[in-house]
Amino acid sequence: MKKNTKSSKTRKSVKKKILKVLLFIFIVIVIFNIIGTILHATYFKNKVEEIKPYGEMVNIYDGQMHVYSMGEGEKTIILLPGMGVSLPSAEFGPLMRTLIKKYKVVCIEYFGVGFSSETSRERSVANYVDEIRKVLEVEQIEPPYVLVPHSISSVFSEYYASKYPSEIKAIISLDGTSTAYYQEMPKFVNSLLGVAKVQQNSGFSSIMGLLATNKKDLISKGYLEKEINDMIAFSGFSVNDNLLSQMGNSANYIKETMDLPYPKTIPYFKVISKKTYETKNSQIKISPQEYQMEHLKRLGDNVKYEILEGNHFIYFNNVDRISNIIDDVIANN
């Protein structure tokens, strides 16, 4: 009996120690969250508010869209950002500086992205295209345009070309989303989207932006120190209702676009990242190679592609090759 009593006391002692450790960890997490939340609402927010827009703030509908233009070339290239990119006007910096040697280059930041304000307008593919056209009209930037979209913006670009073919000279897609594959977004994914805003408000995104950014590497890729610091600052403020709506409706954008015939007269060049081409996506039932080839098949005979080293953000380390591809597409069309 004495042995059992001693064993029982030992187990209780171990349990108490475990509970104390867990309590300590919980308290530390709570403290860090409180500190992070305060920093997010004060220090990090002030850092973002100190940064002035690179280009023009254009009054459109119920808000303002940021349009950053560089260069004076005869041909106009429109850069359109991918989903969740916090500050496109900075992320496209090296590519823009390369392209302005020959072209006028315009970076458009959608509502809720970068310096642009939010909007109460529905985040539909039709409205995204309408807003692109409207802001270019207000800025008196005349078509036809060469669209260079990244990721989800490739869907918007296809929709644009299908609806207004006379305004588009060519599309050069940077690891663009396929409009040949539709799968309804699982309901549980939509329910989890709001967690991103909670995480952001805790200051976690801002702190991770500081810790995870390799400044030396980005400078070697042509980024200015100001652009890097600005991207870090904005990384903790990219999640808002407009972005969450875009994420939640992304499958619908594909569905609304995939039945529209892509114009045979508009050349399409798809730059595919090697990582995207070779890595299986658990949410997509077909292979990554099939995913890409089916998209190219949908676009028709007037389409070309090239696989480049790098991840989804293919413009980070392929500026010169992307610039050469754009030159070739424009020169041959």
Protein backbone atom coordinates (compact mmCIF):
# COMPACT_ATOMS: atom_id res chain seq x y z
CA MET A 1 0.00 0.00 0.00
CA LYS A 2 2.87 2.33 0.78
CA LYS A 3 4.30 1.78 -2.70
CA ASN A 4 0.95 2.61 -4.33
CA THR A 5 0.63 5.75 -2.22
CA LYS A 6 4.13 6.85 -3.16
CA SER A 7 3.45 6.12 -6.85
CA SER A 8 0.19 8.06 -6.68
CA LYS A 9 1.96 11.05 -5.12
CA THR A 10 4.61 10.93 -7.87
CA ARG A 11 1.97 10.95 -10.60
CA LYS A 12 0.19 13.91 -8.96
CA SER A 13 3.50 15.76 -8.71
CA VAL A 14 4.24 15.16 -12.39
CA LYS A 15 0.75 16.32 -13.36
CA LYS A 16 1.18 19.50 -11.32
CA LYS A 17 4.51 20.23 -13.02
CA ILE A 18 2.99 19.66 -16.47
CA LEU A 19 0.07 21.93 -15.62
CA LYS A 20 2.48 24.62 -14.40
CA VAL A 21 4.49 24.40 -17.61
CA LEU A 22 1.33 24.58 -19.72
CA LEU A 23 0.07 27.52 -17.67
CA PHE A 24 3.42 29.27 -18.10
CA ILE A 25 3.32 28.71 -21.89
CA PHE A 26 -0.27 29.99 -22.02
CA ILE A 27 0.65 33.12 -20.06
CA VAL A 28 3.66 33.77 -22.31
CA ILE A 29 1.45 33.41 -25.43
CA VAL A 30 -1.14 35.79 -23.96
CA ILE A 31 1.55 38.34 -23.09
CA PHE A 32 3.10 38.15 -26.55
CA ASN A 33 -0.35 38.55 -28.14
CA ILE A 34 -1.07 41.60 -26.02
CA ILE A 35 2.30 43.14 -26.89
CA GLY A 36 1.86 42.25 -30.57
CA THR A 37 -1.65 43.72 -30.68
CA ILE A 38 -0.43 46.96 -29.12
CA LEU A 39 2.52 47.16 -31.54
CA HIS A 40 0.21 46.47 -34.49
CA ALA A 41 -2.16 49.27 -33.52
CA THR A 42 0.58 51.80 -32.74
CA TYR A 43 4.17 51.33 -33.94
CA PHE A 44 3.51 49.21 -37.04
CA LYS A 45 0.45 51.23 -38.04
CA ASN A 46 2.39 54.49 -37.74
CA LYS A 47 5.16 53.07 -39.93
CA VAL A 48 2.65 52.30 -42.70
CA GLU A 49 0.94 55.68 -42.44
CA GLU A 50 4.29 57.45 -42.84
CA ILE A 51 4.81 55.90 -46.30
CA LYS A 52 3.60 58.08 -49.15
CA PRO A 53 2.03 56.58 -52.30
CA TYR A 54 4.51 56.06 -55.13
CA GLY A 55 2.06 57.22 -57.79
CA GLU A 56 -1.38 58.79 -58.14
CA MET A 57 -4.41 58.20 -55.92
CA VAL A 58 -7.34 58.12 -58.35
CA ASN A 59 -10.93 58.68 -57.25
CA ILE A 60 -13.00 55.74 -58.53
CA TYR A 61 -16.56 54.97 -57.39
CA ASP A 62 -16.56 54.96 -53.57
CA GLY A 63 -12.80 54.95 -52.98
CA GLN A 64 -9.33 55.62 -54.32
CA MET A 65 -7.12 53.34 -56.39
CA HIS A 66 -3.36 53.70 -56.51
CA VAL A 67 -1.84 53.87 -60.00
CA TYR A 68 1.93 53.94 -60.35
CA SER A 69 3.25 54.89 -63.80
CA MET A 70 6.82 54.93 -65.07
CA GLY A 71 8.38 55.46 -68.50
CA GLU A 72 7.33 57.20 -71.68
CA GLY A 73 7.37 54.40 -74.25
CA GLU A 74 4.92 54.15 -77.12
CA LYS A 75 3.55 50.78 -75.96
CA THR A 76 1.81 50.54 -72.56
CA ILE A 77 2.29 47.60 -70.19
CA ILE A 78 -0.18 47.10 -67.35
CA LEU A 79 1.09 45.14 -64.34
CA LEU A 80 -1.67 43.49 -62.28
CA PRO A 81 -0.93 41.93 -58.86
CA GLY A 82 -1.61 38.47 -57.50
CA MET A 83 -3.77 37.67 -54.51
CA GLY A 84 -2.45 38.76 -51.14
CA VAL A 85 0.49 40.82 -52.45
CA SER A 86 0.77 43.56 -49.84
CA LEU A 87 2.44 46.29 -51.90
CA PRO A 88 2.54 45.55 -55.65
CA SER A 89 4.04 48.94 -56.57
CA ALA A 90 7.14 47.94 -54.59
CA GLU A 91 7.18 44.22 -55.48
CA PHE A 92 7.13 45.03 -59.21
CA GLY A 93 9.91 47.63 -58.74
CA PRO A 94 12.85 45.82 -60.44
CA LEU A 95 10.64 44.63 -63.31
CA MET A 96 9.24 48.12 -63.83
CA ARG A 97 12.70 49.70 -63.91
CA THR A 98 13.78 47.19 -66.55
CA LEU A 99 10.68 47.62 -68.71
CA ILE A 100 10.68 51.44 -68.75
CA LYS A 101 13.74 51.39 -70.97
CA LYS A 102 11.32 50.70 -73.83
CA TYR A 103 7.74 51.05 -72.55
CA LYS A 104 5.32 53.02 -70.46
CA VAL A 105 4.65 50.78 -67.46
CA VAL A 106 1.62 51.07 -65.18
CA CYS A 107 1.07 49.17 -61.92
CA ILE A 108 -2.52 49.11 -60.70
CA GLU A 109 -3.33 48.30 -57.08
CA TYR A 110 -6.88 47.03 -56.66
CA PHE A 111 -9.21 48.26 -53.94
CA GLY A 112 -7.95 46.93 -50.63
CA VAL A 113 -4.43 46.40 -51.98
CA GLY A 114 -1.30 48.46 -51.28
CA PHE A 115 -2.04 52.18 -51.03
CA SER A 116 -5.57 51.82 -52.43
CA SER A 117 -8.58 52.27 -50.15
CA GLU A 118 -11.21 49.61 -49.62
CA THR A 119 -14.53 49.58 -51.45
CA SER A 120 -18.05 48.41 -50.69
CA ARG A 121 -18.46 47.22 -54.30
CA GLU A 122 -18.90 43.50 -54.84
CA ARG A 123 -15.58 41.73 -55.48
CA SER A 124 -16.69 40.09 -58.72
CA VAL A 125 -14.51 39.45 -61.76
CA ALA A 126 -16.69 41.86 -63.77
CA ASN A 127 -16.10 44.63 -61.22
CA TYR A 128 -12.34 44.05 -61.13
CA VAL A 129 -12.20 44.44 -64.90
CA ASP A 130 -14.50 47.44 -64.80
CA GLU A 131 -12.28 49.12 -62.21
CA ILE A 132 -9.12 48.46 -64.24
CA ARG A 133 -10.73 50.04 -67.30
CA LYS A 134 -12.15 52.96 -65.33
CA VAL A 135 -8.91 53.91 -63.60
CA LEU A 136 -6.99 53.77 -66.89
CA GLU A 137 -9.65 55.94 -68.52
CA VAL A 138 -9.46 58.53 -65.73
CA GLU A 139 -5.66 58.56 -66.00
CA GLN A 140 -6.00 58.99 -69.79
CA ILE A 141 -3.89 55.94 -70.50
CA GLU A 142 -5.05 54.84 -73.94
CA PRO A 143 -5.51 51.23 -75.16
CA PRO A 144 -4.53 48.83 -76.55
CA TYR A 145 -2.67 47.49 -73.51
CA VAL A 146 -0.21 44.69 -72.95
CA LEU A 147 -1.46 43.06 -69.75
CA VAL A 148 1.12 41.42 -67.48
CA PRO A 149 -0.91 39.79 -64.69
CA HIS A 150 0.35 37.68 -61.82
CA SER A 151 -1.60 34.73 -60.39
CA ILE A 152 -5.37 35.43 -59.99
CA SER A 153 -5.07 38.58 -62.13
CA SER A 154 -4.59 36.29 -65.13
CA VAL A 155 -8.25 35.30 -64.71
CA PHE A 156 -9.26 38.97 -64.71
CA SER A 157 -7.09 39.53 -67.81
CA GLU A 158 -8.72 36.68 -69.74
CA TYR A 159 -12.16 38.02 -68.82
CA TYR A 160 -11.05 41.50 -69.94
CA ALA A 161 -9.75 40.18 -73.28
CA SER A 162 -12.92 38.18 -73.90
CA LYS A 163 -15.20 41.14 -73.20
CA TYR A 164 -13.14 43.96 -74.71
CA PRO A 165 -10.70 42.41 -77.24
CA SER A 166 -10.01 45.68 -79.04
CA GLU A 167 -8.42 47.09 -75.87
CA ILE A 168 -5.86 44.30 -75.39
CA LYS A 169 -2.75 43.83 -77.54
CA ALA A 170 -1.35 40.81 -75.68
CA ILE A 171 -1.28 39.02 -72.32
CA ILE A 172 1.93 37.80 -70.68
CA SER A 173 0.82 35.84 -67.62
CA LEU A 174 3.17 35.38 -64.67
CA ASP A 175 2.36 31.97 -63.16
CA GLY A 176 -1.30 32.66 -63.78
CA THR A 177 -4.28 30.81 -62.37
CA SER A 178 -5.83 28.36 -64.83
CA THR A 179 -9.32 29.02 -66.17
CA ALA A 180 -9.60 25.45 -67.44
CA TYR A 181 -9.98 23.88 -63.99
CA TYR A 182 -12.83 24.71 -61.62
CA GLN A 183 -13.39 23.28 -58.20
CA GLU A 184 -15.79 24.73 -55.68
CA MET A 185 -14.01 26.09 -52.64
CA PRO A 186 -14.65 23.89 -49.57
CA LYS A 187 -16.92 25.56 -47.03
CA PHE A 188 -14.46 25.00 -44.21
CA VAL A 189 -11.83 27.04 -46.08
CA ASN A 190 -14.18 30.01 -46.29
CA SER A 191 -14.90 29.71 -42.58
CA LEU A 192 -11.17 29.90 -41.80
CA LEU A 193 -10.46 33.05 -43.81
CA GLY A 194 -11.32 35.34 -40.90
CA VAL A 195 -8.52 33.78 -38.86
CA ALA A 196 -6.03 35.62 -41.08
CA LYS A 197 -7.38 38.97 -39.89
CA VAL A 198 -7.13 37.89 -36.24
CA GLN A 199 -3.55 36.77 -36.83
CA GLN A 200 -2.74 40.09 -38.50
CA ASN A 201 -4.27 42.14 -35.68
CA SER A 202 -2.12 40.25 -33.19
CA GLY A 203 0.96 41.71 -34.86
CA PHE A 204 2.17 38.25 -35.92
CA SER A 205 2.29 39.13 -39.64
CA SER A 206 4.30 42.31 -39.00
CA ILE A 207 6.79 40.53 -36.78
CA MET A 208 7.19 37.66 -39.27
CA GLY A 209 7.69 40.17 -42.07
CA LEU A 210 10.64 41.61 -40.17
CA LEU A 211 12.14 38.23 -39.28
CA ALA A 212 11.61 36.39 -42.58
CA THR A 213 12.82 39.03 -45.05
CA ASN A 214 16.31 38.58 -46.46
CA LYS A 215 17.25 42.15 -47.36
CA LYS A 216 20.61 41.29 -48.90
CA ASP A 217 19.00 38.77 -51.22
CA LEU A 218 16.33 41.24 -52.36
CA ILE A 219 18.90 43.99 -52.94
CA SER A 220 20.88 41.55 -55.11
CA LYS A 221 17.69 41.05 -57.15
CA GLY A 222 17.39 44.77 -57.86
CA TYR A 223 15.14 45.98 -55.05
CA LEU A 224 15.72 49.36 -53.44
CA GLU A 225 16.10 49.46 -49.67
CA LYS A 226 13.03 51.71 -49.43
CA GLU A 227 10.95 49.20 -51.41
CA ILE A 228 12.04 46.39 -49.10
CA ASN A 229 11.25 48.37 -45.94
CA ASP A 230 7.88 49.41 -47.37
CA MET A 231 7.00 45.82 -48.31
CA ILE A 232 7.86 44.70 -44.77
CA ALA A 233 5.70 47.46 -43.28
CA PHE A 234 2.71 46.65 -45.51
CA SER A 235 3.01 42.89 -44.98
CA GLY A 236 1.29 43.26 -41.61
CA PHE A 237 -1.69 45.14 -43.07
CA SER A 238 -2.62 43.28 -46.26
CA VAL A 239 -5.61 41.38 -44.86
CA ASN A 240 -8.91 43.28 -45.07
CA ASP A 241 -12.50 42.62 -46.08
CA ASN A 242 -11.78 43.21 -49.78
CA LEU A 243 -8.95 40.67 -49.80
CA LEU A 244 -10.98 38.10 -47.84
CA SER A 245 -13.81 38.55 -50.33
CA GLN A 246 -11.39 38.03 -53.22
CA MET A 247 -10.07 34.87 -51.61
CA GLY A 248 -13.54 33.57 -50.90
CA ASN A 249 -14.76 34.23 -54.44
CA SER A 250 -11.66 33.12 -56.37
CA ALA A 251 -13.29 29.87 -57.55
CA ASN A 252 -16.27 31.84 -58.85
CA TYR A 253 -13.94 34.07 -60.90
CA ILE A 254 -12.69 30.98 -62.71
CA LYS A 255 -16.22 29.67 -63.22
CA GLU A 256 -17.38 33.01 -64.67
CA THR A 257 -14.43 33.17 -67.07
CA MET A 258 -13.88 29.59 -68.26
CA ASP A 259 -16.95 29.54 -70.54
CA LEU A 260 -15.95 32.76 -72.31
CA PRO A 261 -14.07 32.03 -75.54
CA TYR A 262 -10.58 33.48 -75.50
CA PRO A 263 -10.04 35.72 -78.57
CA LYS A 264 -7.90 34.05 -81.23
CA THR A 265 -6.47 37.43 -82.24
CA ILE A 266 -4.84 38.16 -78.87
CA PRO A 267 -1.47 36.45 -78.24
CA TYR A 268 -1.01 34.84 -74.84
CA PHE A 269 2.32 33.89 -73.31
CA LYS A 270 2.29 32.00 -70.02
CA VAL A 271 5.36 32.11 -67.79
CA ILE A 272 5.16 29.09 -65.46
CA SER A 273 7.29 28.70 -62.36
CA LYS A 274 9.15 25.41 -62.13
CA LYS A 275 7.94 24.91 -58.56
CA THR A 276 4.30 25.34 -59.59
CA TYR A 277 4.78 23.00 -62.56
CA GLU A 278 6.38 20.22 -60.50
CA THR A 279 4.63 20.48 -57.11
CA LYS A 280 1.36 18.67 -56.50
CA ASN A 281 -1.42 20.83 -55.05
CA SER A 282 -3.55 18.81 -52.63
CA GLN A 283 -6.62 20.92 -53.47
CA ILE A 284 -6.36 20.12 -57.21
CA LYS A 285 -7.24 16.58 -58.28
CA ILE A 286 -5.24 16.53 -61.50
CA SER A 287 -1.44 16.65 -61.78
CA PRO A 288 0.28 20.06 -61.90
CA GLN A 289 1.39 19.33 -65.46
CA GLU A 290 -2.18 18.54 -66.56
CA TYR A 291 -3.37 21.68 -64.78
CA GLN A 292 -1.06 23.83 -66.92
CA MET A 293 -1.52 21.98 -70.21
CA GLU A 294 -5.32 22.06 -69.99
CA HIS A 295 -5.14 25.82 -69.48
CA LEU A 296 -2.90 26.28 -72.53
CA LYS A 297 -5.25 24.09 -74.56
CA ARG A 298 -8.23 26.26 -73.58
CA LEU A 299 -6.45 29.40 -74.74
CA GLY A 300 -6.06 28.05 -78.27
CA ASP A 301 -3.36 28.01 -80.92
CA ASN A 302 -2.13 31.56 -80.34
CA VAL A 303 -0.46 30.66 -77.04
CA LYS A 304 3.11 29.98 -75.95
CA TYR A 305 4.69 29.14 -72.63
CA GLU A 306 8.00 28.81 -70.84
CA ILE A 307 8.93 27.23 -67.51
CA LEU A 308 11.34 29.31 -65.42
CA GLU A 309 13.24 28.54 -62.24
CA GLY A 310 11.59 29.89 -59.12
CA ASN A 311 8.43 29.82 -57.04
CA HIS A 312 5.01 31.34 -57.62
CA PHE A 313 6.41 34.88 -57.27
CA ILE A 314 8.30 34.31 -60.51
CA TYR A 315 9.14 38.00 -61.06
CA PHE A 316 11.46 38.05 -58.03
CA ASN A 317 14.32 36.29 -59.81
CA ASN A 318 13.49 36.32 -63.54
CA VAL A 319 13.27 40.01 -64.39
CA ASP A 320 15.57 39.89 -67.42
CA ARG A 321 13.95 36.81 -68.97
CA ILE A 322 10.42 38.14 -68.39
CA SER A 323 11.47 41.43 -69.98
CA ASN A 324 12.86 39.58 -73.01
CA ILE A 325 9.65 37.58 -73.36
CA ILE A 326 7.61 40.78 -73.31
CA ASP A 327 9.92 42.26 -75.98
CA ASP A 328 9.46 39.21 -78.19
CA VAL A 329 5.67 39.12 -77.83
CA ILE A 330 5.34 42.82 -78.66
CA ALA A 331 7.83 42.68 -81.55
CA ASN A 332 6.09 39.72 -83.18
CA ASN A 333 2.52 40.97 -82.82
